[in-house]
């Protein structure tokens, strides 16, 4: 199986779900999807960040904390 260099949007969501909700290790997901483990890690971080309420860009609370 050839190593892919990127994940599609659906693959990123699937990888993040498998890791965060099902507890599958990132290296196992990477091997199954045929990508480098770094791509899986990036997907997991991006999805977690997107789902965290205070991490949204332009969040007023976040901006106030940066100014203080």
C-alpha atoms as a PDB file:
ATOM      1  CA  UNK A   1       0.000   0.000   0.000  1.00  0.00           C
ATOM      2  CA  UNK A   2       1.369   3.402  -0.992  1.00  0.00           C
ATOM      3  CA  UNK A   3       1.719   6.138   1.606  1.00  0.00           C
ATOM      4  CA  UNK A   4      -0.703   9.011   0.962  1.00  0.00           C
ATOM      5  CA  UNK A   5       0.433  12.545   1.680  1.00  0.00           C
ATOM      6  CA  UNK A   6      -2.904  14.028   2.774  1.00  0.00           C
ATOM      7  CA  UNK A   7      -6.293  13.114   4.208  1.00  0.00           C
ATOM      8  CA  UNK A   8      -9.637  14.172   2.780  1.00  0.00           C
ATOM      9  CA  UNK A   9     -12.074  16.059   5.002  1.00  0.00           C
ATOM     10  CA  UNK A  10     -14.079  12.880   5.639  1.00  0.00           C
ATOM     11  CA  UNK A  11     -10.920  10.942   6.501  1.00  0.00           C
ATOM     12  CA  UNK A  12      -9.850  13.658   8.950  1.00  0.00           C
ATOM     13  CA  UNK A  13     -13.200  13.508  10.746  1.00  0.00           C
ATOM     14  CA  UNK A  14     -13.087   9.710  10.796  1.00  0.00           C
ATOM     15  CA  UNK A  15      -9.535   9.672  12.153  1.00  0.00           C
ATOM     16  CA  UNK A  16     -10.433  12.156  14.898  1.00  0.00           C
ATOM     17  CA  UNK A  17     -13.553  10.165  15.823  1.00  0.00           C
ATOM     18  CA  UNK A  18     -11.623   6.915  16.009  1.00  0.00           C
ATOM     19  CA  UNK A  19      -8.962   8.493  18.212  1.00  0.00           C
ATOM     20  CA  UNK A  20     -11.053  10.671  20.540  1.00  0.00           C
ATOM     21  CA  UNK A  21     -14.298   8.687  20.798  1.00  0.00           C
ATOM     22  CA  UNK A  22     -13.147   5.118  20.280  1.00  0.00           C
ATOM     23  CA  UNK A  23      -9.684   5.368  21.832  1.00  0.00           C
ATOM     24  CA  UNK A  24      -7.795   3.954  18.859  1.00  0.00           C
ATOM     25  CA  UNK A  25      -4.096   4.871  18.894  1.00  0.00           C
ATOM     26  CA  UNK A  26      -2.996   7.329  16.223  1.00  0.00           C
ATOM     27  CA  UNK A  27      -0.325   5.026  14.801  1.00  0.00           C
ATOM     28  CA  UNK A  28      -2.948   2.317  14.251  1.00  0.00           C
ATOM     29  CA  UNK A  29      -5.247   4.775  12.445  1.00  0.00           C
ATOM     30  CA  UNK A  30      -2.333   6.005  10.328  1.00  0.00           C
ATOM     31  CA  UNK A  31      -1.394   2.476   9.332  1.00  0.00           C
ATOM     32  CA  UNK A  32      -4.998   1.612   8.420  1.00  0.00           C
ATOM     33  CA  UNK A  33      -5.437   4.806   6.365  1.00  0.00           C
ATOM     34  CA  UNK A  34      -2.028   4.559   4.715  1.00  0.00           C
ATOM     35  CA  UNK A  35      -0.747   7.946   5.899  1.00  0.00           C
ATOM     36  CA  UNK A  36       2.015   9.277   8.087  1.00  0.00           C
ATOM     37  CA  UNK A  37       1.095   9.474  11.780  1.00  0.00           C
ATOM     38  CA  UNK A  38       1.635  13.243  11.654  1.00  0.00           C
ATOM     39  CA  UNK A  39      -1.335  13.612   9.288  1.00  0.00           C
ATOM     40  CA  UNK A  40      -3.557  11.789  11.784  1.00  0.00           C
ATOM     41  CA  UNK A  41      -2.283  13.955  14.631  1.00  0.00           C
ATOM     42  CA  UNK A  42      -2.973  17.134  12.639  1.00  0.00           C
ATOM     43  CA  UNK A  43      -6.512  15.914  11.924  1.00  0.00           C
ATOM     44  CA  UNK A  44      -7.177  15.100  15.583  1.00  0.00           C
ATOM     45  CA  UNK A  45      -5.879  18.475  16.761  1.00  0.00           C
ATOM     46  CA  UNK A  46      -7.832  20.394  14.086  1.00  0.00           C
ATOM     47  CA  UNK A  47     -11.116  18.645  14.878  1.00  0.00           C
ATOM     48  CA  UNK A  48     -10.645  19.029  18.637  1.00  0.00           C
ATOM     49  CA  UNK A  49      -9.840  22.715  18.183  1.00  0.00           C
ATOM     50  CA  UNK A  50     -12.878  23.233  15.935  1.00  0.00           C
ATOM     51  CA  UNK A  51     -15.157  21.624  18.524  1.00  0.00           C
ATOM     52  CA  UNK A  52     -13.779  23.557  21.511  1.00  0.00           C
ATOM     53  CA  UNK A  53     -16.097  26.549  22.119  1.00  0.00           C
ATOM     54  CA  UNK A  54     -13.411  28.987  23.325  1.00  0.00           C
ATOM     55  CA  UNK A  55     -10.998  28.268  20.470  1.00  0.00           C
ATOM     56  CA  UNK A  56     -13.110  29.921  17.760  1.00  0.00           C
ATOM     57  CA  UNK A  57     -11.297  32.808  16.054  1.00  0.00           C
ATOM     58  CA  UNK A  58     -12.622  36.165  17.139  1.00  0.00           C
ATOM     59  CA  UNK A  59     -14.037  34.847  20.392  1.00  0.00           C
ATOM     60  CA  UNK A  60     -14.585  37.890  22.629  1.00  0.00           C
ATOM     61  CA  UNK A  61     -13.389  36.110  25.787  1.00  0.00           C
ATOM     62  CA  UNK A  62     -10.227  34.983  24.053  1.00  0.00           C
ATOM     63  CA  UNK A  63      -9.510  38.482  22.763  1.00  0.00           C
ATOM     64  CA  UNK A  64     -10.008  40.015  26.215  1.00  0.00           C
ATOM     65  CA  UNK A  65      -7.586  37.492  27.754  1.00  0.00           C
ATOM     66  CA  UNK A  66      -4.916  38.321  25.174  1.00  0.00           C
ATOM     67  CA  UNK A  67      -5.155  42.052  25.900  1.00  0.00           C
ATOM     68  CA  UNK A  68      -4.873  41.631  29.674  1.00  0.00           C
END
